[in-house]
N, C-alpha and C. Protein backbone atom coordinates (compact mmCIF):
# COMPACT_ATOMS: atom_id res chain seq x y z
N UNK A 1 116.99 -141.85 -95.53
CA UNK A 1 117.89 -141.59 -94.24
C UNK A 1 118.49 -140.12 -94.50
N UNK A 2 118.57 -139.92 -93.39
CA UNK A 2 119.73 -138.62 -92.99
C UNK A 2 121.04 -138.90 -93.10
N UNK A 3 121.89 -137.77 -93.24
CA UNK A 3 123.34 -138.04 -93.29
C UNK A 3 123.73 -138.81 -91.93
N UNK A 4 123.26 -137.87 -90.57
CA UNK A 4 123.61 -138.33 -89.51
C UNK A 4 123.29 -140.00 -89.25
N UNK A 5 122.27 -140.62 -89.66
CA UNK A 5 121.80 -141.65 -89.30
C UNK A 5 122.70 -142.66 -90.17
N UNK A 6 122.92 -142.37 -91.36
CA UNK A 6 124.16 -142.96 -92.30
C UNK A 6 125.46 -143.12 -91.71
N UNK A 7 125.82 -142.14 -91.15
CA UNK A 7 127.22 -142.13 -90.54
C UNK A 7 127.07 -142.91 -89.08
N UNK A 8 126.00 -143.02 -88.38
CA UNK A 8 125.76 -143.80 -87.39
C UNK A 8 126.14 -144.96 -87.75
N UNK A 9 125.12 -145.51 -88.78
CA UNK A 9 125.04 -146.88 -89.21
C UNK A 9 126.36 -147.44 -89.57
N UNK A 10 127.31 -146.63 -90.15
CA UNK A 10 128.50 -146.71 -90.76
C UNK A 10 129.59 -146.97 -89.78
N UNK A 11 129.74 -146.19 -88.62
CA UNK A 11 130.35 -146.35 -87.67
C UNK A 11 130.14 -147.85 -86.64
N UNK A 12 128.63 -148.14 -86.80
CA UNK A 12 128.56 -149.33 -85.81
C UNK A 12 129.27 -150.24 -86.53
N UNK A 13 129.01 -150.54 -87.79
CA UNK A 13 129.54 -151.34 -88.68
C UNK A 13 130.86 -151.66 -88.58
N UNK A 14 131.43 -150.54 -88.65
CA UNK A 14 133.20 -150.35 -88.30
C UNK A 14 133.55 -150.82 -87.14
N UNK A 15 132.58 -150.60 -86.23
CA UNK A 15 133.00 -150.84 -84.62
C UNK A 15 132.73 -152.71 -84.58
N UNK A 16 131.64 -152.99 -85.37
CA UNK A 16 131.51 -154.50 -85.48
C UNK A 16 132.63 -155.21 -85.96
N UNK A 17 132.94 -154.73 -87.04
CA UNK A 17 134.05 -155.31 -87.78
C UNK A 17 135.35 -155.57 -87.04
N UNK A 18 135.81 -154.33 -86.38
CA UNK A 18 137.10 -154.18 -85.51
C UNK A 18 136.84 -155.08 -84.54
N UNK A 19 135.74 -155.43 -83.89
CA UNK A 19 135.49 -156.36 -82.87
C UNK A 19 135.66 -157.51 -83.03
N UNK A 20 135.11 -157.96 -84.33
CA UNK A 20 135.57 -159.38 -84.87
C UNK A 20 136.75 -159.78 -85.23
N UNK A 21 137.50 -158.74 -85.50
CA UNK A 21 138.72 -158.98 -85.98
C UNK A 21 139.82 -159.01 -84.75
N UNK A 22 139.10 -158.39 -83.72
CA UNK A 22 139.79 -158.49 -82.35
C UNK A 22 139.57 -159.69 -81.70
N UNK A 23 138.32 -160.22 -81.63
CA UNK A 23 138.09 -161.43 -80.93
C UNK A 23 138.57 -162.53 -81.53
N UNK A 24 138.84 -162.46 -82.80
CA UNK A 24 139.40 -163.52 -83.70
C UNK A 24 140.99 -163.47 -83.23
N UNK A 25 141.51 -162.49 -83.06
CA UNK A 25 143.02 -162.39 -82.68
C UNK A 25 143.07 -162.95 -81.25
N UNK A 26 142.30 -162.53 -80.31
CA UNK A 26 142.57 -162.93 -78.96
C UNK A 26 142.57 -164.65 -79.16
N UNK A 27 141.52 -165.16 -79.76
CA UNK A 27 141.45 -166.62 -79.57
C UNK A 27 142.43 -167.15 -80.20
N UNK A 28 142.79 -166.88 -81.62
CA UNK A 28 144.09 -167.22 -82.29
C UNK A 28 145.47 -167.03 -81.51
N UNK A 29 145.63 -165.89 -81.04
CA UNK A 29 147.00 -165.73 -80.31
C UNK A 29 146.86 -166.71 -78.86
N UNK A 30 145.84 -166.91 -78.43
CA UNK A 30 145.58 -167.94 -77.29
C UNK A 30 145.77 -169.52 -77.68
N UNK A 31 145.44 -169.59 -79.10
CA UNK A 31 145.81 -170.81 -79.43
C UNK A 31 147.19 -171.30 -79.94
N UNK A 32 147.35 -170.14 -80.75
CA UNK A 32 148.88 -170.45 -81.87
C UNK A 32 150.20 -169.69 -81.28
N UNK A 33 149.74 -168.52 -80.62
CA UNK A 33 150.71 -167.57 -80.08
C UNK A 33 150.77 -166.47 -81.09
N UNK A 34 151.35 -165.23 -80.83
CA UNK A 34 151.05 -164.24 -81.73
C UNK A 34 152.08 -164.36 -83.05
N UNK A 35 153.56 -164.92 -82.91
CA UNK A 35 154.27 -165.17 -84.16
C UNK A 35 153.68 -166.32 -84.78
N UNK A 36 153.00 -167.31 -84.12
CA UNK A 36 152.29 -168.20 -84.86
C UNK A 36 151.08 -168.04 -85.75
N UNK A 37 150.61 -167.05 -85.45
CA UNK A 37 149.45 -166.39 -86.09
C UNK A 37 150.01 -165.36 -87.41
N UNK A 38 149.22 -165.71 -88.53
CA UNK A 38 149.33 -164.93 -89.69
C UNK A 38 148.29 -164.07 -90.05
N UNK A 39 148.48 -162.70 -90.54
CA UNK A 39 147.15 -162.04 -90.92
C UNK A 39 146.17 -162.69 -91.70
N UNK A 40 146.89 -163.57 -92.47
CA UNK A 40 145.78 -164.45 -93.38
C UNK A 40 144.93 -165.38 -92.38
N UNK A 41 145.68 -166.06 -91.29
CA UNK A 41 144.85 -166.73 -90.61
C UNK A 41 143.64 -165.68 -89.70
N UNK A 42 144.05 -164.63 -89.42
CA UNK A 42 142.89 -163.53 -88.53
C UNK A 42 141.90 -163.18 -89.46
N UNK A 43 142.14 -163.01 -90.78
CA UNK A 43 141.06 -162.58 -91.55
C UNK A 43 140.42 -163.65 -91.97
N UNK A 44 140.72 -165.07 -92.23
CA UNK A 44 140.08 -166.28 -92.30
C UNK A 44 139.03 -166.59 -91.01
N UNK A 45 139.70 -166.32 -89.79
CA UNK A 45 138.81 -166.40 -88.58
C UNK A 45 137.86 -165.51 -88.54
N UNK A 46 138.36 -164.25 -88.80
CA UNK A 46 137.11 -163.16 -88.63
C UNK A 46 136.36 -162.92 -89.83
N UNK A 47 136.45 -163.85 -90.87
CA UNK A 47 135.50 -163.63 -92.32
C UNK A 47 135.72 -162.14 -92.49
N UNK A 48 137.04 -161.87 -93.02
CA UNK A 48 136.93 -160.16 -93.78
C UNK A 48 138.16 -160.64 -94.79
N UNK A 49 137.94 -159.78 -95.37
CA UNK A 49 139.13 -159.52 -96.70
C UNK A 49 140.20 -158.91 -96.16
N UNK A 50 141.59 -159.38 -96.52
CA UNK A 50 142.68 -158.70 -96.30
C UNK A 50 142.74 -157.18 -96.03
N UNK A 51 142.07 -156.65 -97.28
CA UNK A 51 142.02 -154.99 -97.00
C UNK A 51 141.27 -154.51 -96.10
N UNK A 52 140.18 -155.10 -95.53
CA UNK A 52 139.21 -154.88 -94.56
C UNK A 52 140.16 -154.65 -93.33
N UNK A 53 140.83 -156.01 -92.91
CA UNK A 53 141.79 -156.06 -91.73
C UNK A 53 142.95 -154.66 -91.78
N UNK A 54 143.35 -154.19 -92.70
CA UNK A 54 143.91 -153.28 -92.99
C UNK A 54 143.24 -151.71 -93.00
N UNK A 55 141.97 -151.76 -93.02
CA UNK A 55 141.26 -150.93 -92.93
C UNK A 55 141.15 -150.13 -91.46
N UNK A 56 141.46 -151.32 -90.62
CA UNK A 56 141.25 -151.13 -89.10
C UNK A 56 142.78 -151.30 -88.37
N UNK A 57 143.39 -152.16 -88.72
CA UNK A 57 144.65 -152.12 -88.11
C UNK A 57 145.97 -151.87 -89.04
N UNK A 58 147.03 -151.21 -88.81
CA UNK A 58 148.03 -150.99 -89.23
C UNK A 58 149.01 -152.36 -89.71
N UNK A 59 148.69 -153.07 -88.64
CA UNK A 59 149.67 -154.49 -88.61
C UNK A 59 149.35 -155.48 -87.38
N UNK A 60 149.73 -156.34 -87.32
CA UNK A 60 149.37 -157.28 -86.41
C UNK A 60 149.93 -156.67 -85.04
N UNK A 61 151.27 -155.75 -85.05
CA UNK A 61 151.42 -155.23 -83.59
C UNK A 61 150.38 -154.04 -83.14
N UNK A 62 149.63 -153.60 -84.20
CA UNK A 62 148.87 -152.84 -84.06
C UNK A 62 147.70 -153.41 -83.24
N UNK A 63 147.40 -154.70 -83.62
CA UNK A 63 146.29 -155.46 -82.67
C UNK A 63 146.76 -155.65 -81.91
N UNK A 64 147.70 -155.98 -81.51
CA UNK A 64 148.19 -156.57 -80.07
C UNK A 64 148.17 -154.95 -79.33
N UNK A 65 148.28 -154.04 -79.64
CA UNK A 65 148.24 -152.71 -79.00
C UNK A 65 146.84 -152.81 -78.45
N UNK A 66 145.82 -152.79 -79.42
CA UNK A 66 144.25 -152.90 -79.21
C UNK A 66 143.90 -153.91 -78.07
N UNK A 67 144.64 -154.98 -78.27
CA UNK A 67 144.42 -155.91 -77.35
C UNK A 67 144.86 -155.36 -75.75
N UNK A 68 145.71 -154.91 -75.77
CA UNK A 68 146.69 -154.41 -74.51
C UNK A 68 145.77 -153.04 -74.24
N UNK A 69 144.89 -152.39 -74.81
CA UNK A 69 143.89 -151.54 -74.52
C UNK A 69 142.74 -152.23 -74.03
N UNK A 70 142.32 -152.93 -74.64
CA UNK A 70 140.82 -153.89 -74.32
C UNK A 70 141.35 -154.66 -72.80
N UNK A 71 142.42 -155.13 -72.59
CA UNK A 71 143.01 -155.88 -71.36
C UNK A 71 143.01 -154.98 -70.30
N UNK A 72 143.72 -153.65 -70.65
CA UNK A 72 143.68 -152.98 -69.59
C UNK A 72 142.38 -152.56 -69.14
N UNK A 73 141.24 -152.19 -69.98
CA UNK A 73 140.13 -152.03 -69.22
C UNK A 73 139.30 -153.23 -68.69
N UNK A 74 139.52 -154.28 -69.05
CA UNK A 74 139.29 -155.52 -68.33
C UNK A 74 139.68 -155.45 -66.82
N UNK A 75 141.10 -155.05 -66.64
CA UNK A 75 141.97 -155.07 -65.39
C UNK A 75 140.93 -153.87 -64.58
N UNK A 76 140.59 -152.68 -65.09
CA UNK A 76 139.64 -151.84 -64.27
C UNK A 76 138.50 -152.78 -64.11
N UNK A 77 138.10 -152.98 -64.83
CA UNK A 77 136.48 -153.79 -64.65
C UNK A 77 136.55 -154.68 -63.48
N UNK A 78 137.92 -155.58 -63.40
CA UNK A 78 138.00 -156.56 -62.60
C UNK A 78 138.41 -156.07 -61.10
N UNK A 79 138.87 -154.88 -61.05
CA UNK A 79 139.00 -154.38 -59.73
C UNK A 79 137.94 -153.59 -59.09
N UNK A 80 136.86 -152.84 -60.14
CA UNK A 80 135.55 -152.64 -59.82
C UNK A 80 134.73 -153.78 -59.22
N UNK A 81 134.84 -154.52 -60.01
CA UNK A 81 133.72 -155.77 -59.58
C UNK A 81 134.31 -156.20 -58.17
N UNK A 82 135.74 -156.29 -57.91
CA UNK A 82 136.09 -156.75 -56.82
C UNK A 82 135.77 -156.18 -55.32
N UNK A 83 135.78 -154.58 -55.83
CA UNK A 83 135.32 -153.74 -54.56
C UNK A 83 133.68 -153.96 -54.31
N UNK A 84 133.04 -154.69 -54.94
CA UNK A 84 131.61 -155.20 -54.79
C UNK A 84 131.76 -156.38 -54.07
N UNK A 85 132.68 -157.08 -54.07
CA UNK A 85 132.79 -158.30 -53.27
C UNK A 85 132.89 -158.38 -51.85
N UNK A 86 131.94 -159.04 -51.16
CA UNK A 86 131.90 -159.01 -49.63
C UNK A 86 133.27 -159.40 -49.03
N UNK A 87 133.61 -159.00 -47.90
CA UNK A 87 134.78 -159.27 -47.29
C UNK A 87 135.84 -158.47 -47.14
N UNK A 88 137.09 -158.83 -46.62
CA UNK A 88 137.99 -158.11 -46.27
C UNK A 88 138.94 -157.43 -47.47
N UNK A 89 139.64 -156.50 -47.19
CA UNK A 89 140.24 -155.99 -48.74
C UNK A 89 141.31 -157.24 -48.98
N UNK A 90 142.01 -157.90 -48.25
CA UNK A 90 142.56 -159.39 -48.65
C UNK A 90 141.69 -160.05 -49.70
N UNK A 91 140.64 -160.42 -49.26
CA UNK A 91 139.69 -161.18 -49.99
C UNK A 91 139.16 -160.69 -51.05
N UNK A 92 139.08 -159.23 -51.31
CA UNK A 92 139.21 -158.57 -52.33
C UNK A 92 140.22 -158.53 -53.76
N UNK A 93 141.31 -158.42 -53.12
CA UNK A 93 142.55 -158.52 -53.77
C UNK A 93 142.76 -159.86 -54.48
N UNK A 94 142.29 -160.66 -53.79
CA UNK A 94 142.28 -162.34 -53.99
C UNK A 94 141.48 -162.34 -55.25
N UNK A 95 140.21 -161.94 -54.91
CA UNK A 95 139.11 -161.99 -56.07
C UNK A 95 139.69 -161.21 -57.45
N UNK A 96 140.28 -160.17 -57.27
CA UNK A 96 140.64 -159.17 -58.36
C UNK A 96 142.05 -160.04 -59.08
N UNK A 97 142.92 -160.50 -58.50
CA UNK A 97 143.74 -161.23 -59.19
C UNK A 97 143.59 -162.79 -59.90
N UNK A 98 142.46 -163.05 -59.26
CA UNK A 98 141.74 -164.37 -59.58
C UNK A 98 141.06 -164.35 -61.00
N UNK A 99 140.36 -163.13 -61.04
CA UNK A 99 139.40 -162.78 -61.93
C UNK A 99 140.57 -162.38 -63.29
N UNK A 100 141.36 -161.65 -62.92
CA UNK A 100 142.52 -161.31 -64.08
C UNK A 100 143.29 -162.56 -64.68
N UNK A 101 143.57 -163.54 -63.74
CA UNK A 101 144.50 -164.46 -64.64
C UNK A 101 143.58 -165.57 -64.90
N UNK A 102 142.52 -165.65 -64.24
CA UNK A 102 141.42 -166.89 -64.79
C UNK A 102 140.90 -166.30 -66.24
N UNK A 103 140.73 -164.93 -66.49
CA UNK A 103 140.35 -164.39 -68.07
C UNK A 103 141.43 -164.98 -68.67
N UNK A 104 142.71 -164.60 -68.61
CA UNK A 104 143.78 -164.89 -69.26
C UNK A 104 144.15 -166.28 -69.58
N UNK A 105 144.21 -166.89 -68.79
CA UNK A 105 144.26 -168.43 -69.04
C UNK A 105 143.23 -169.37 -70.04
N UNK A 106 141.95 -168.63 -69.91
CA UNK A 106 140.70 -168.84 -70.96
C UNK A 106 141.03 -168.99 -71.82
N UNK A 107 141.84 -168.27 -72.65
CA UNK A 107 142.14 -167.98 -74.07
C UNK A 107 142.87 -169.16 -74.97
N UNK A 108 143.60 -169.88 -74.03
CA UNK A 108 143.93 -171.14 -74.97
C UNK A 108 145.34 -171.22 -74.47
N UNK A 109 145.93 -172.43 -75.07
CA UNK A 109 147.37 -173.00 -74.36
C UNK A 109 148.36 -172.03 -74.60
N UNK A 110 148.26 -171.29 -75.49
CA UNK A 110 149.33 -170.21 -75.61
C UNK A 110 148.95 -168.63 -75.01
N UNK A 111 148.31 -168.80 -73.93
CA UNK A 111 148.07 -167.58 -73.31
C UNK A 111 149.14 -167.18 -72.51
N UNK A 112 150.12 -167.57 -72.39
CA UNK A 112 151.41 -166.90 -71.74
C UNK A 112 152.06 -166.09 -73.11
N UNK A 113 152.10 -166.52 -74.20
CA UNK A 113 152.66 -165.64 -75.28
C UNK A 113 151.55 -164.25 -75.29
N UNK A 114 150.48 -164.14 -75.49
CA UNK A 114 149.44 -163.29 -75.37
C UNK A 114 149.70 -162.30 -74.39
N UNK A 115 149.81 -162.92 -73.15
CA UNK A 115 149.90 -162.11 -71.81
C UNK A 115 151.31 -161.37 -72.04
N UNK A 116 152.50 -161.90 -72.52
CA UNK A 116 153.57 -161.40 -72.76
C UNK A 116 153.67 -160.32 -73.64
N UNK A 117 152.80 -160.59 -74.82
CA UNK A 117 152.99 -159.33 -76.07
C UNK A 117 152.03 -158.11 -75.59
N UNK A 118 151.08 -158.26 -74.51
CA UNK A 118 149.91 -157.45 -74.45
C UNK A 118 150.54 -156.60 -73.28
N UNK A 119 151.14 -157.39 -72.55
CA UNK A 119 152.38 -156.35 -71.34
C UNK A 119 153.07 -155.76 -72.06
N UNK A 120 153.99 -156.15 -72.92
CA UNK A 120 154.99 -155.25 -73.93
C UNK A 120 154.29 -154.25 -74.55
N UNK A 121 153.21 -154.55 -74.94
CA UNK A 121 152.48 -153.11 -75.65
C UNK A 121 152.26 -152.25 -74.73
N UNK A 122 151.81 -152.60 -73.51
CA UNK A 122 151.15 -151.66 -72.61
C UNK A 122 152.25 -150.71 -72.20
N UNK A 123 153.34 -150.98 -72.33
CA UNK A 123 154.69 -149.87 -71.81
C UNK A 123 155.40 -149.55 -73.13
N UNK A 124 154.85 -149.50 -74.44
CA UNK A 124 155.46 -148.84 -75.20
C UNK A 124 155.47 -147.48 -75.10
N UNK A 125 156.05 -146.28 -75.84
CA UNK A 125 156.42 -145.13 -75.56
C UNK A 125 154.83 -144.39 -75.70
N UNK A 126 154.52 -144.94 -76.87
CA UNK A 126 153.21 -144.27 -77.32
C UNK A 126 151.91 -145.25 -76.66
N UNK A 127 152.35 -144.97 -75.04
CA UNK A 127 151.21 -146.03 -74.45
C UNK A 127 150.04 -146.14 -74.78
N UNK A 128 149.45 -147.45 -75.23
CA UNK A 128 147.90 -147.54 -75.70
C UNK A 128 146.78 -147.33 -74.71
N UNK A 129 147.53 -147.60 -73.34
CA UNK A 129 146.26 -147.50 -72.28
C UNK A 129 146.45 -146.79 -71.25
N UNK A 130 145.57 -145.95 -70.90
CA UNK A 130 145.40 -144.96 -69.85
C UNK A 130 145.52 -145.94 -68.17
N UNK A 131 146.65 -145.85 -68.20
CA UNK A 131 147.14 -146.63 -66.71
C UNK A 131 146.60 -145.99 -65.90
N UNK A 132 146.26 -144.59 -65.82
CA UNK A 132 146.10 -143.93 -64.67
C UNK A 132 144.82 -144.30 -64.50
N UNK A 133 143.83 -144.94 -65.02
CA UNK A 133 142.51 -145.37 -65.01
C UNK A 133 142.52 -146.49 -64.09
N UNK A 134 143.62 -147.44 -64.29
CA UNK A 134 144.03 -148.58 -63.57
C UNK A 134 144.22 -148.04 -62.05
N UNK A 135 145.09 -147.22 -61.87
CA UNK A 135 145.85 -146.57 -60.64
C UNK A 135 144.60 -145.97 -59.78
N UNK A 136 143.65 -145.21 -60.59
CA UNK A 136 142.42 -144.72 -59.62
C UNK A 136 141.47 -145.74 -59.38
N UNK A 137 141.15 -147.16 -59.96
CA UNK A 137 140.33 -147.96 -59.55
C UNK A 137 140.89 -148.51 -58.43
N UNK A 138 142.61 -148.85 -58.55
CA UNK A 138 142.97 -149.47 -57.41
C UNK A 138 142.69 -148.78 -56.04
N UNK A 139 143.31 -147.08 -56.41
CA UNK A 139 142.95 -146.28 -55.05
C UNK A 139 141.57 -146.32 -54.64
N UNK A 140 140.59 -146.68 -55.13
CA UNK A 140 139.22 -146.88 -54.86
C UNK A 140 138.99 -147.97 -53.80
N UNK A 141 139.53 -149.02 -54.22
CA UNK A 141 139.48 -149.94 -53.41
C UNK A 141 140.15 -150.03 -52.26
N UNK A 142 141.59 -149.21 -52.09
CA UNK A 142 142.27 -149.06 -50.71
C UNK A 142 141.47 -147.84 -49.99
N UNK A 143 140.92 -146.86 -50.21
CA UNK A 143 139.77 -146.20 -49.70
C UNK A 143 138.85 -146.92 -49.43
N UNK A 144 138.44 -147.96 -49.87
CA UNK A 144 137.12 -148.80 -49.33
C UNK A 144 137.44 -149.24 -48.24
N UNK A 145 139.11 -150.12 -48.20
CA UNK A 145 139.42 -150.64 -47.03
C UNK A 145 139.79 -149.72 -45.96
N UNK A 146 140.25 -148.64 -46.22
CA UNK A 146 140.52 -147.83 -45.23
C UNK A 146 139.59 -147.37 -44.28
N UNK A 147 138.21 -147.18 -45.13
CA UNK A 147 136.99 -146.85 -44.42
C UNK A 147 136.37 -147.90 -43.72
N UNK A 148 136.72 -149.21 -44.05
CA UNK A 148 136.36 -150.53 -43.59
C UNK A 148 137.43 -150.59 -42.28
N UNK A 149 138.51 -149.93 -42.37
CA UNK A 149 139.16 -150.11 -41.03
C UNK A 149 140.21 -151.24 -41.25
N UNK A 150 140.45 -151.97 -42.30
CA UNK A 150 141.53 -153.20 -42.42
C UNK A 150 142.74 -152.83 -43.35
N UNK A 151 142.69 -151.21 -43.76
CA UNK A 151 143.97 -150.59 -44.52
C UNK A 151 144.49 -149.56 -43.67
N UNK A 152 145.64 -149.53 -43.40
CA UNK A 152 146.32 -148.27 -42.55
C UNK A 152 146.05 -147.05 -43.42
N UNK A 153 146.02 -145.98 -42.51
CA UNK A 153 146.01 -144.35 -43.13
C UNK A 153 147.30 -143.93 -42.73
N UNK A 154 148.40 -144.89 -42.43
CA UNK A 154 149.78 -143.86 -42.29
C UNK A 154 150.50 -143.70 -43.54
N UNK A 155 149.80 -144.08 -44.48
CA UNK A 155 150.67 -144.15 -45.91
C UNK A 155 149.85 -143.27 -46.77
N UNK A 156 150.17 -142.83 -47.82
CA UNK A 156 149.21 -142.05 -48.72
C UNK A 156 148.57 -143.47 -49.73
N UNK A 157 147.28 -142.89 -50.39
CA UNK A 157 146.33 -143.71 -50.83
C UNK A 157 147.48 -144.30 -52.15
N UNK A 158 147.88 -143.12 -52.69
CA UNK A 158 148.73 -143.54 -54.04
C UNK A 158 149.73 -144.50 -53.87
N UNK A 159 150.49 -144.13 -52.90
CA UNK A 159 151.71 -145.19 -52.49
C UNK A 159 151.24 -146.45 -52.49
N UNK A 160 149.94 -146.61 -51.65
CA UNK A 160 149.41 -148.19 -51.26
C UNK A 160 148.78 -148.52 -52.74
N UNK A 161 148.58 -147.78 -53.73
CA UNK A 161 148.01 -148.45 -54.92
C UNK A 161 149.02 -148.70 -55.55
N UNK A 162 150.23 -148.08 -55.49
CA UNK A 162 151.62 -148.33 -56.24
C UNK A 162 151.90 -149.75 -56.07
N UNK A 163 151.84 -150.22 -54.37
CA UNK A 163 152.24 -151.29 -53.95
C UNK A 163 151.41 -152.43 -54.39
N UNK A 164 150.00 -152.28 -54.74
CA UNK A 164 149.21 -153.38 -55.22
C UNK A 164 149.42 -153.52 -56.65
N UNK A 165 149.86 -152.43 -57.66
CA UNK A 165 149.77 -152.67 -59.01
C UNK A 165 151.18 -153.16 -59.07
N UNK A 166 152.21 -152.66 -58.33
CA UNK A 166 153.57 -153.23 -58.46
C UNK A 166 153.44 -155.08 -58.33
N UNK A 167 152.46 -155.63 -57.53
CA UNK A 167 152.51 -156.85 -56.91
C UNK A 167 151.86 -157.37 -58.51
N UNK A 168 150.61 -156.86 -58.69
CA UNK A 168 149.96 -157.34 -59.93
C UNK A 168 150.76 -157.38 -61.34
N UNK A 169 151.78 -156.46 -61.43
CA UNK A 169 152.55 -156.64 -62.56
C UNK A 169 153.55 -157.48 -62.50
N UNK A 170 154.43 -157.70 -61.28
CA UNK A 170 155.26 -158.73 -60.97
C UNK A 170 154.77 -160.23 -61.15
N UNK A 171 153.37 -160.38 -60.90
CA UNK A 171 152.68 -161.75 -61.22
C UNK A 171 152.67 -161.91 -62.55
N UNK A 172 152.04 -161.04 -63.06
CA UNK A 172 151.92 -161.25 -64.75
C UNK A 172 153.05 -161.35 -65.30
N UNK A 173 154.19 -160.79 -64.95
CA UNK A 173 155.18 -161.01 -65.92
C UNK A 173 156.00 -162.02 -65.72
N UNK A 174 155.93 -162.68 -64.21
CA UNK A 174 156.40 -163.95 -63.96
C UNK A 174 155.58 -164.93 -64.48
N UNK A 175 154.38 -164.63 -64.75
CA UNK A 175 153.38 -165.81 -65.62
C UNK A 175 153.70 -165.85 -66.94
N UNK A 176 153.99 -164.54 -67.44
CA UNK A 176 154.02 -164.65 -68.86
C UNK A 176 155.29 -165.22 -69.64
N UNK A 177 156.55 -165.09 -68.37
CA UNK A 177 157.73 -165.80 -68.91
C UNK A 177 157.90 -167.05 -68.56
N UNK A 178 157.11 -167.86 -67.58
CA UNK A 178 157.28 -169.28 -66.85
C UNK A 178 155.98 -170.03 -67.13
N UNK A 179 155.73 -170.85 -68.29
CA UNK A 179 154.88 -171.68 -68.27
C UNK A 179 154.47 -172.71 -67.08
N UNK A 180 155.33 -172.90 -66.26
CA UNK A 180 154.89 -173.77 -65.08
C UNK A 180 154.58 -172.75 -63.83
N UNK A 181 154.63 -171.35 -64.06
CA UNK A 181 154.44 -170.51 -62.84
C UNK A 181 152.96 -171.19 -62.31
N UNK A 182 152.93 -171.22 -60.95
CA UNK A 182 151.83 -171.63 -60.17
C UNK A 182 151.09 -170.23 -60.14
N UNK A 183 150.03 -169.85 -60.89
CA UNK A 183 149.37 -168.35 -60.68
C UNK A 183 148.72 -168.14 -59.57
N UNK A 184 148.02 -169.49 -59.84
CA UNK A 184 146.72 -169.49 -58.76
C UNK A 184 147.08 -169.22 -57.14
N UNK A 185 148.08 -170.29 -57.14
CA UNK A 185 148.49 -169.91 -55.65
C UNK A 185 149.38 -169.02 -55.39
N UNK A 186 150.39 -168.36 -56.24
CA UNK A 186 150.77 -167.38 -55.95
C UNK A 186 149.84 -166.06 -55.92
N UNK A 187 149.31 -166.01 -56.65
CA UNK A 187 147.86 -165.00 -56.30
C UNK A 187 147.63 -164.76 -55.13
N UNK A 188 147.10 -165.99 -54.50
CA UNK A 188 146.47 -166.00 -53.31
C UNK A 188 147.64 -165.76 -52.06
N UNK A 189 148.84 -165.97 -52.18
CA UNK A 189 149.83 -165.79 -51.14
C UNK A 189 150.14 -164.15 -51.36
N UNK A 190 150.14 -163.65 -52.81
CA UNK A 190 150.34 -162.46 -52.54
C UNK A 190 149.18 -161.37 -52.06
N UNK A 191 148.18 -161.75 -52.23
CA UNK A 191 146.87 -161.30 -51.65
C UNK A 191 146.94 -161.06 -50.28
N UNK A 192 147.64 -162.30 -49.69
CA UNK A 192 147.74 -162.17 -48.20
C UNK A 192 148.83 -161.29 -47.98
N UNK A 193 149.93 -161.66 -48.29
CA UNK A 193 150.89 -160.56 -48.09
C UNK A 193 150.68 -159.07 -48.63
N UNK A 194 149.82 -158.68 -49.27
CA UNK A 194 149.51 -157.20 -49.41
C UNK A 194 148.49 -156.97 -48.38
N UNK A 195 147.65 -157.76 -48.09
CA UNK A 195 146.71 -157.69 -47.26
C UNK A 195 147.25 -157.25 -45.41
N UNK A 196 148.49 -157.80 -45.47
CA UNK A 196 149.55 -157.61 -43.96
C UNK A 196 150.00 -156.13 -43.91
N UNK A 197 150.57 -156.13 -45.58
CA UNK A 197 151.24 -155.01 -45.59
C UNK A 197 150.60 -153.69 -45.39
N UNK A 198 149.12 -153.79 -45.96
CA UNK A 198 148.36 -152.69 -46.14
C UNK A 198 147.53 -152.65 -44.46
N UNK A 199 147.60 -153.27 -43.75
CA UNK A 199 146.91 -153.50 -42.31
C UNK A 199 147.47 -152.46 -41.41
N UNK A 200 146.19 -151.69 -40.74
CA UNK A 200 146.85 -150.85 -39.63
C UNK A 200 147.78 -151.53 -38.80
N UNK A 201 148.96 -150.91 -37.88
CA UNK A 201 149.94 -151.20 -37.07
C UNK A 201 149.04 -151.80 -35.82
N UNK A 202 149.12 -152.60 -35.54
CA UNK A 202 148.77 -153.30 -34.48
C UNK A 202 149.04 -152.23 -33.03
N UNK A 203 147.84 -151.54 -32.36
CA UNK A 203 148.45 -150.85 -31.18
C UNK A 203 149.02 -149.37 -31.79
N UNK A 204 149.32 -149.19 -33.01
CA UNK A 204 149.54 -147.94 -33.18
C UNK A 204 148.78 -146.94 -33.66
N UNK A 205 149.09 -145.52 -33.66
CA UNK A 205 148.41 -144.39 -33.69
C UNK A 205 147.92 -144.33 -35.24
N UNK A 206 146.80 -144.24 -35.87
CA UNK A 206 146.57 -144.41 -37.21
C UNK A 206 146.13 -142.98 -37.49
N UNK A 207 146.76 -141.96 -38.62
CA UNK A 207 146.62 -140.67 -39.06
C UNK A 207 145.46 -140.71 -40.15
N UNK A 208 144.67 -139.80 -40.47
CA UNK A 208 143.78 -139.83 -41.30
C UNK A 208 144.16 -139.26 -42.63
């Protein structure tokens, strides 16, 4: 077997092991919370040796950062999927919010703790996620609405995207810190509010 083929197989196995550890973390953090989960628990669930864990992650917090990275990628995918959803921009925003909080809630009873931990990791100085990627995806959704005529052209696309992202961030922060937060109802309300805020002014001139 060539050196290149051996290297490719090694990298594939390494990714598979890291994925197994990450999946175990998502499940356990959702069941028990981050603090309630030990590295021994993670190794047992992922069926790896303790040293194997440290070959991939420096610490449990490093694993939280990886979950934040993957969560960010999922956010981007949710925005892109919403763009394919038929209907208005408001309906697409509602679909986007629903997809995001639905996936987070599905991880287990301690999902609030996991959401809180990954949100915190997303805003660490050595930002683990390319937040600009999410911004670009939302800008694309905004442009789609402008082309359809239900999003105003009176404001810059990047500013409208900030409005949407700010609303999403506020929803997730409130949900992470309040176990009784009615996320589904508030998401629908926020989508309607954003649709109204982004809509063209009735009877007003719209600039391109």
